[in-house]
Amino acid sequence: MKKSIVFLMSLFLAGSVAAENANPQTQVAHKVYLKGMTKGEGRYIRVDVIENDKTKWGAYFCAGAQDIAYSYGYSTSISDEPVHKNYFIKFSICQDETLTQCQEFAIDKYLTFRNAEGALENDISETSIDISNVKDAFQACEPAPFPEMDEAVKQSLHLNDRRFSQVG
């Protein structure tokens, strides 16, 4: 009985490994770091993401020195299915959380595509934007003391290109 259970378990594990190898996962990510502020300093940053000429989502948060202003990543299976996504991200600095007085200060563009091996790839994986030229004209805010809190204070602006929402 023990031998048959061990045999069945090894078959199950071998099948799991074979299935995992038959459908390997790839990971792709893009990050934008914020430069131009000193430690403890913060400003309201608005981020608008456009994918293939359609507004996908937006967010705002009190960003501090060296914060990640934008991060998007996912994993997917290797495939022959074509993928071609152009991302255009607009970064604006705002006077306060009402977002009534904002000024665009940087843009970021990157492309996600499937390479010859069938894995997703970005043409750029990391970049940085500098806020030093415009920060003095906008009021300061207090960034979250812990990086994990940044996600808690981000607010959703766009649900998609046809609906607008402000949550929070």
C-alpha atoms as a PDB file:
ATOM      1  CA  MET A   1       0.000   0.000   0.000  1.00  0.00           C
ATOM      2  CA  LYS A   2       2.794   2.429   0.940  1.00  0.00           C
ATOM      3  CA  LYS A   3       4.631   1.608  -2.284  1.00  0.00           C
ATOM      4  CA  SER A   4       1.559   2.360  -4.388  1.00  0.00           C
ATOM      5  CA  ILE A   5       0.962   5.668  -2.569  1.00  0.00           C
ATOM      6  CA  VAL A   6       4.605   6.646  -3.057  1.00  0.00           C
ATOM      7  CA  PHE A   7       4.374   5.600  -6.721  1.00  0.00           C
ATOM      8  CA  LEU A   8       1.183   7.644  -7.244  1.00  0.00           C
ATOM      9  CA  MET A   9       2.719  10.668  -5.481  1.00  0.00           C
ATOM     10  CA  SER A  10       5.832  10.479  -7.666  1.00  0.00           C
ATOM     11  CA  LEU A  11       3.648  10.247 -10.786  1.00  0.00           C
ATOM     12  CA  PHE A  12       1.692  13.287  -9.609  1.00  0.00           C
ATOM     13  CA  LEU A  13       4.880  15.259  -8.926  1.00  0.00           C
ATOM     14  CA  ALA A  14       6.401  14.229 -12.246  1.00  0.00           C
ATOM     15  CA  GLY A  15       3.216  15.278 -14.018  1.00  0.00           C
ATOM     16  CA  SER A  16       3.251  18.637 -12.229  1.00  0.00           C
ATOM     17  CA  VAL A  17       6.861  19.262 -13.210  1.00  0.00           C
ATOM     18  CA  ALA A  18       6.175  18.233 -16.815  1.00  0.00           C
ATOM     19  CA  ALA A  19       3.126  20.498 -16.986  1.00  0.00           C
ATOM     20  CA  GLU A  20       5.145  23.375 -15.547  1.00  0.00           C
ATOM     21  CA  ASN A  21       7.923  22.798 -18.083  1.00  0.00           C
ATOM     22  CA  ALA A  22       5.387  22.495 -20.922  1.00  0.00           C
ATOM     23  CA  ASN A  23       3.893  25.876 -20.019  1.00  0.00           C
ATOM     24  CA  PRO A  24       6.750  27.975 -18.581  1.00  0.00           C
ATOM     25  CA  GLN A  25       5.999  31.402 -17.176  1.00  0.00           C
ATOM     26  CA  THR A  26       7.807  34.624 -18.030  1.00  0.00           C
ATOM     27  CA  GLN A  27       7.795  37.829 -16.029  1.00  0.00           C
ATOM     28  CA  VAL A  28       7.883  41.338 -17.405  1.00  0.00           C
ATOM     29  CA  ALA A  29       7.964  44.597 -15.449  1.00  0.00           C
ATOM     30  CA  HIS A  30       8.479  48.327 -15.884  1.00  0.00           C
ATOM     31  CA  LYS A  31       9.343  50.762 -13.066  1.00  0.00           C
ATOM     32  CA  VAL A  32       9.723  54.540 -13.016  1.00  0.00           C
ATOM     33  CA  TYR A  33      11.630  56.088 -10.103  1.00  0.00           C
ATOM     34  CA  LEU A  34      11.126  59.657  -8.891  1.00  0.00           C
ATOM     35  CA  LYS A  35      14.261  61.813  -8.535  1.00  0.00           C
ATOM     36  CA  GLY A  36      14.856  65.403  -7.459  1.00  0.00           C
ATOM     37  CA  MET A  37      13.630  65.553  -3.850  1.00  0.00           C
ATOM     38  CA  THR A  38      15.429  65.214  -0.554  1.00  0.00           C
ATOM     39  CA  LYS A  39      14.610  62.634   2.107  1.00  0.00           C
ATOM     40  CA  GLY A  40      11.344  63.442   3.910  1.00  0.00           C
ATOM     41  CA  GLU A  41      10.159  65.779   1.161  1.00  0.00           C
ATOM     42  CA  GLY A  42       6.978  64.923  -0.739  1.00  0.00           C
ATOM     43  CA  ARG A  43       4.685  66.211  -3.491  1.00  0.00           C
ATOM     44  CA  TYR A  44       1.328  65.121  -4.898  1.00  0.00           C
ATOM     45  CA  ILE A  45       1.954  63.161  -8.078  1.00  0.00           C
ATOM     46  CA  ARG A  46      -0.708  62.201 -10.601  1.00  0.00           C
ATOM     47  CA  VAL A  47      -0.042  59.308 -12.981  1.00  0.00           C
ATOM     48  CA  ASP A  48      -2.138  58.693 -16.121  1.00  0.00           C
ATOM     49  CA  VAL A  49      -1.527  55.482 -18.073  1.00  0.00           C
ATOM     50  CA  ILE A  50      -2.457  55.170 -21.740  1.00  0.00           C
ATOM     51  CA  GLU A  51      -2.169  51.782 -23.449  1.00  0.00           C
ATOM     52  CA  ASN A  52      -2.439  51.623 -27.257  1.00  0.00           C
ATOM     53  CA  ASP A  53      -3.997  55.132 -27.349  1.00  0.00           C
ATOM     54  CA  LYS A  54      -6.684  54.307 -24.747  1.00  0.00           C
ATOM     55  CA  THR A  55      -6.670  55.617 -21.196  1.00  0.00           C
ATOM     56  CA  LYS A  56      -6.316  52.601 -18.921  1.00  0.00           C
ATOM     57  CA  TRP A  57      -6.085  54.061 -15.426  1.00  0.00           C
ATOM     58  CA  GLY A  58      -4.804  56.910 -13.334  1.00  0.00           C
ATOM     59  CA  ALA A  59      -3.731  57.422  -9.748  1.00  0.00           C
ATOM     60  CA  TYR A  60      -2.413  60.076  -7.422  1.00  0.00           C
ATOM     61  CA  PHE A  61      -0.424  59.852  -4.228  1.00  0.00           C
ATOM     62  CA  CYS A  62       1.979  61.801  -2.047  1.00  0.00           C
ATOM     63  CA  ALA A  63       5.347  60.747  -3.431  1.00  0.00           C
ATOM     64  CA  GLY A  64       8.584  61.037  -1.509  1.00  0.00           C
ATOM     65  CA  ALA A  65      12.227  61.095  -2.513  1.00  0.00           C
ATOM     66  CA  GLN A  66      13.312  57.995  -4.438  1.00  0.00           C
ATOM     67  CA  ASP A  67       9.750  56.601  -4.559  1.00  0.00           C
ATOM     68  CA  ILE A  68       8.541  54.417  -7.384  1.00  0.00           C
ATOM     69  CA  ALA A  69       6.168  56.685  -9.307  1.00  0.00           C
ATOM     70  CA  TYR A  70       4.956  53.867 -11.577  1.00  0.00           C
ATOM     71  CA  SER A  71       5.333  50.113 -11.495  1.00  0.00           C
ATOM     72  CA  TYR A  72       3.585  47.565 -13.655  1.00  0.00           C
ATOM     73  CA  GLY A  73       4.478  43.926 -13.997  1.00  0.00           C
ATOM     74  CA  TYR A  74       2.912  40.557 -14.639  1.00  0.00           C
ATOM     75  CA  SER A  75       3.776  36.996 -15.548  1.00  0.00           C
ATOM     76  CA  THR A  76       2.416  35.065 -18.461  1.00  0.00           C
ATOM     77  CA  SER A  77       2.970  31.838 -20.362  1.00  0.00           C
ATOM     78  CA  ILE A  78       5.286  31.571 -23.315  1.00  0.00           C
ATOM     79  CA  SER A  79       3.129  31.639 -26.414  1.00  0.00           C
ATOM     80  CA  ASP A  80       3.011  32.304 -30.142  1.00  0.00           C
ATOM     81  CA  GLU A  81       0.145  34.766 -29.637  1.00  0.00           C
ATOM     82  CA  PRO A  82       1.270  38.221 -30.811  1.00  0.00           C
ATOM     83  CA  VAL A  83       1.418  41.043 -28.266  1.00  0.00           C
ATOM     84  CA  HIS A  84       2.174  44.670 -29.066  1.00  0.00           C
ATOM     85  CA  LYS A  85       1.309  47.228 -26.386  1.00  0.00           C
ATOM     86  CA  ASN A  86       2.531  50.814 -26.465  1.00  0.00           C
ATOM     87  CA  TYR A  87       2.445  52.473 -23.038  1.00  0.00           C
ATOM     88  CA  PHE A  88       2.453  56.232 -22.573  1.00  0.00           C
ATOM     89  CA  ILE A  89       2.567  57.411 -18.952  1.00  0.00           C
ATOM     90  CA  LYS A  90       2.026  61.064 -18.040  1.00  0.00           C
ATOM     91  CA  PHE A  91       3.335  62.371 -14.720  1.00  0.00           C
ATOM     92  CA  SER A  92       1.917  65.571 -13.240  1.00  0.00           C
ATOM     93  CA  ILE A  93       2.628  67.422 -10.009  1.00  0.00           C
ATOM     94  CA  CYS A  94      -0.443  68.797  -8.239  1.00  0.00           C
ATOM     95  CA  GLN A  95      -1.000  71.519  -5.650  1.00  0.00           C
ATOM     96  CA  ASP A  96      -3.145  69.243  -3.464  1.00  0.00           C
ATOM     97  CA  GLU A  97      -5.346  66.132  -3.498  1.00  0.00           C
ATOM     98  CA  THR A  98      -8.183  67.968  -5.310  1.00  0.00           C
ATOM     99  CA  LEU A  99      -6.094  67.714  -8.521  1.00  0.00           C
ATOM    100  CA  THR A 100      -7.459  71.068  -9.740  1.00  0.00           C
ATOM    101  CA  GLN A 101      -4.016  72.653 -10.186  1.00  0.00           C
ATOM    102  CA  CYS A 102      -1.668  70.193 -11.850  1.00  0.00           C
ATOM    103  CA  GLN A 103       1.263  70.558 -14.227  1.00  0.00           C
ATOM    104  CA  GLU A 104       2.634  67.761 -16.377  1.00  0.00           C
ATOM    105  CA  PHE A 105       6.378  67.468 -15.790  1.00  0.00           C
ATOM    106  CA  ALA A 106       7.413  64.173 -17.404  1.00  0.00           C
ATOM    107  CA  ILE A 107       6.318  61.414 -19.758  1.00  0.00           C
ATOM    108  CA  ASP A 108       7.497  57.855 -20.108  1.00  0.00           C
ATOM    109  CA  LYS A 109       7.013  55.560 -23.083  1.00  0.00           C
ATOM    110  CA  TYR A 110       7.689  51.867 -23.364  1.00  0.00           C
ATOM    111  CA  LEU A 111       6.658  48.924 -25.500  1.00  0.00           C
ATOM    112  CA  THR A 112       5.632  45.411 -24.429  1.00  0.00           C
ATOM    113  CA  PHE A 113       5.982  42.738 -27.107  1.00  0.00           C
ATOM    114  CA  ARG A 114       6.490  39.015 -27.536  1.00  0.00           C
ATOM    115  CA  ASN A 115      10.068  38.105 -28.471  1.00  0.00           C
ATOM    116  CA  ALA A 116      11.223  35.333 -30.834  1.00  0.00           C
ATOM    117  CA  GLU A 117      11.173  32.759 -28.019  1.00  0.00           C
ATOM    118  CA  GLY A 118       7.531  33.585 -27.235  1.00  0.00           C
ATOM    119  CA  ALA A 119       8.201  35.408 -23.957  1.00  0.00           C
ATOM    120  CA  LEU A 120       6.899  38.887 -23.186  1.00  0.00           C
ATOM    121  CA  GLU A 121       9.505  41.613 -23.075  1.00  0.00           C
ATOM    122  CA  ASN A 122       9.651  45.373 -22.488  1.00  0.00           C
ATOM    123  CA  ASP A 123      11.978  47.544 -24.508  1.00  0.00           C
ATOM    124  CA  ILE A 124      12.774  49.432 -21.250  1.00  0.00           C
ATOM    125  CA  SER A 125      12.465  47.933 -17.773  1.00  0.00           C
ATOM    126  CA  GLU A 126      13.539  50.846 -15.533  1.00  0.00           C
ATOM    127  CA  THR A 127      13.769  54.599 -15.883  1.00  0.00           C
ATOM    128  CA  SER A 128      13.625  57.694 -13.714  1.00  0.00           C
ATOM    129  CA  ILE A 129      11.932  61.088 -13.881  1.00  0.00           C
ATOM    130  CA  ASP A 130      13.162  64.320 -12.285  1.00  0.00           C
ATOM    131  CA  ILE A 131      10.807  66.625 -10.403  1.00  0.00           C
ATOM    132  CA  SER A 132      13.420  69.162  -9.206  1.00  0.00           C
ATOM    133  CA  ASN A 133      12.536  71.828 -11.823  1.00  0.00           C
ATOM    134  CA  VAL A 134       8.872  72.142 -10.768  1.00  0.00           C
ATOM    135  CA  LYS A 135       8.640  71.020  -7.138  1.00  0.00           C
ATOM    136  CA  ASP A 136       9.192  74.449  -5.540  1.00  0.00           C
ATOM    137  CA  ALA A 137       6.039  75.901  -7.130  1.00  0.00           C
ATOM    138  CA  PHE A 138       3.847  73.245  -5.489  1.00  0.00           C
ATOM    139  CA  GLN A 139       2.993  72.647  -1.856  1.00  0.00           C
ATOM    140  CA  ALA A 140       4.597  69.823   0.031  1.00  0.00           C
ATOM    141  CA  CYS A 141       2.789  66.773   1.368  1.00  0.00           C
ATOM    142  CA  GLU A 142       3.851  64.142   3.857  1.00  0.00           C
ATOM    143  CA  PRO A 143       4.785  60.866   2.178  1.00  0.00           C
ATOM    144  CA  ALA A 144       3.860  57.603   3.873  1.00  0.00           C
ATOM    145  CA  PRO A 145       6.572  56.510   6.324  1.00  0.00           C
ATOM    146  CA  PHE A 146       6.687  52.946   5.002  1.00  0.00           C
ATOM    147  CA  PRO A 147       6.897  51.911   1.317  1.00  0.00           C
ATOM    148  CA  GLU A 148       4.006  49.467   1.729  1.00  0.00           C
ATOM    149  CA  MET A 149       1.783  52.376   2.820  1.00  0.00           C
ATOM    150  CA  ASP A 150       2.249  54.075  -0.559  1.00  0.00           C
ATOM    151  CA  GLU A 151      -0.078  51.530  -2.128  1.00  0.00           C
ATOM    152  CA  ALA A 152      -2.695  52.209   0.552  1.00  0.00           C
ATOM    153  CA  VAL A 153      -2.823  55.930  -0.233  1.00  0.00           C
ATOM    154  CA  LYS A 154      -2.932  55.659  -4.019  1.00  0.00           C
ATOM    155  CA  GLN A 155      -6.306  56.625  -5.385  1.00  0.00           C
ATOM    156  CA  SER A 156      -7.973  55.308  -8.511  1.00  0.00           C
ATOM    157  CA  LEU A 157      -8.888  57.959 -11.067  1.00  0.00           C
ATOM    158  CA  HIS A 158      -9.726  56.112 -14.269  1.00  0.00           C
ATOM    159  CA  LEU A 159     -11.516  52.790 -14.536  1.00  0.00           C
ATOM    160  CA  ASN A 160     -11.082  52.779 -18.297  1.00  0.00           C
ATOM    161  CA  ASP A 161     -11.234  55.230 -21.195  1.00  0.00           C
ATOM    162  CA  ARG A 162     -15.032  55.734 -20.876  1.00  0.00           C
ATOM    163  CA  ARG A 163     -15.610  55.872 -17.106  1.00  0.00           C
ATOM    164  CA  PHE A 164     -14.100  58.188 -14.535  1.00  0.00           C
ATOM    165  CA  SER A 165     -14.006  57.449 -10.849  1.00  0.00           C
ATOM    166  CA  GLN A 166     -12.319  58.778  -7.772  1.00  0.00           C
ATOM    167  CA  VAL A 167     -12.160  56.219  -4.990  1.00  0.00           C
ATOM    168  CA  GLY A 168     -10.993  56.878  -1.478  1.00  0.00           C
END
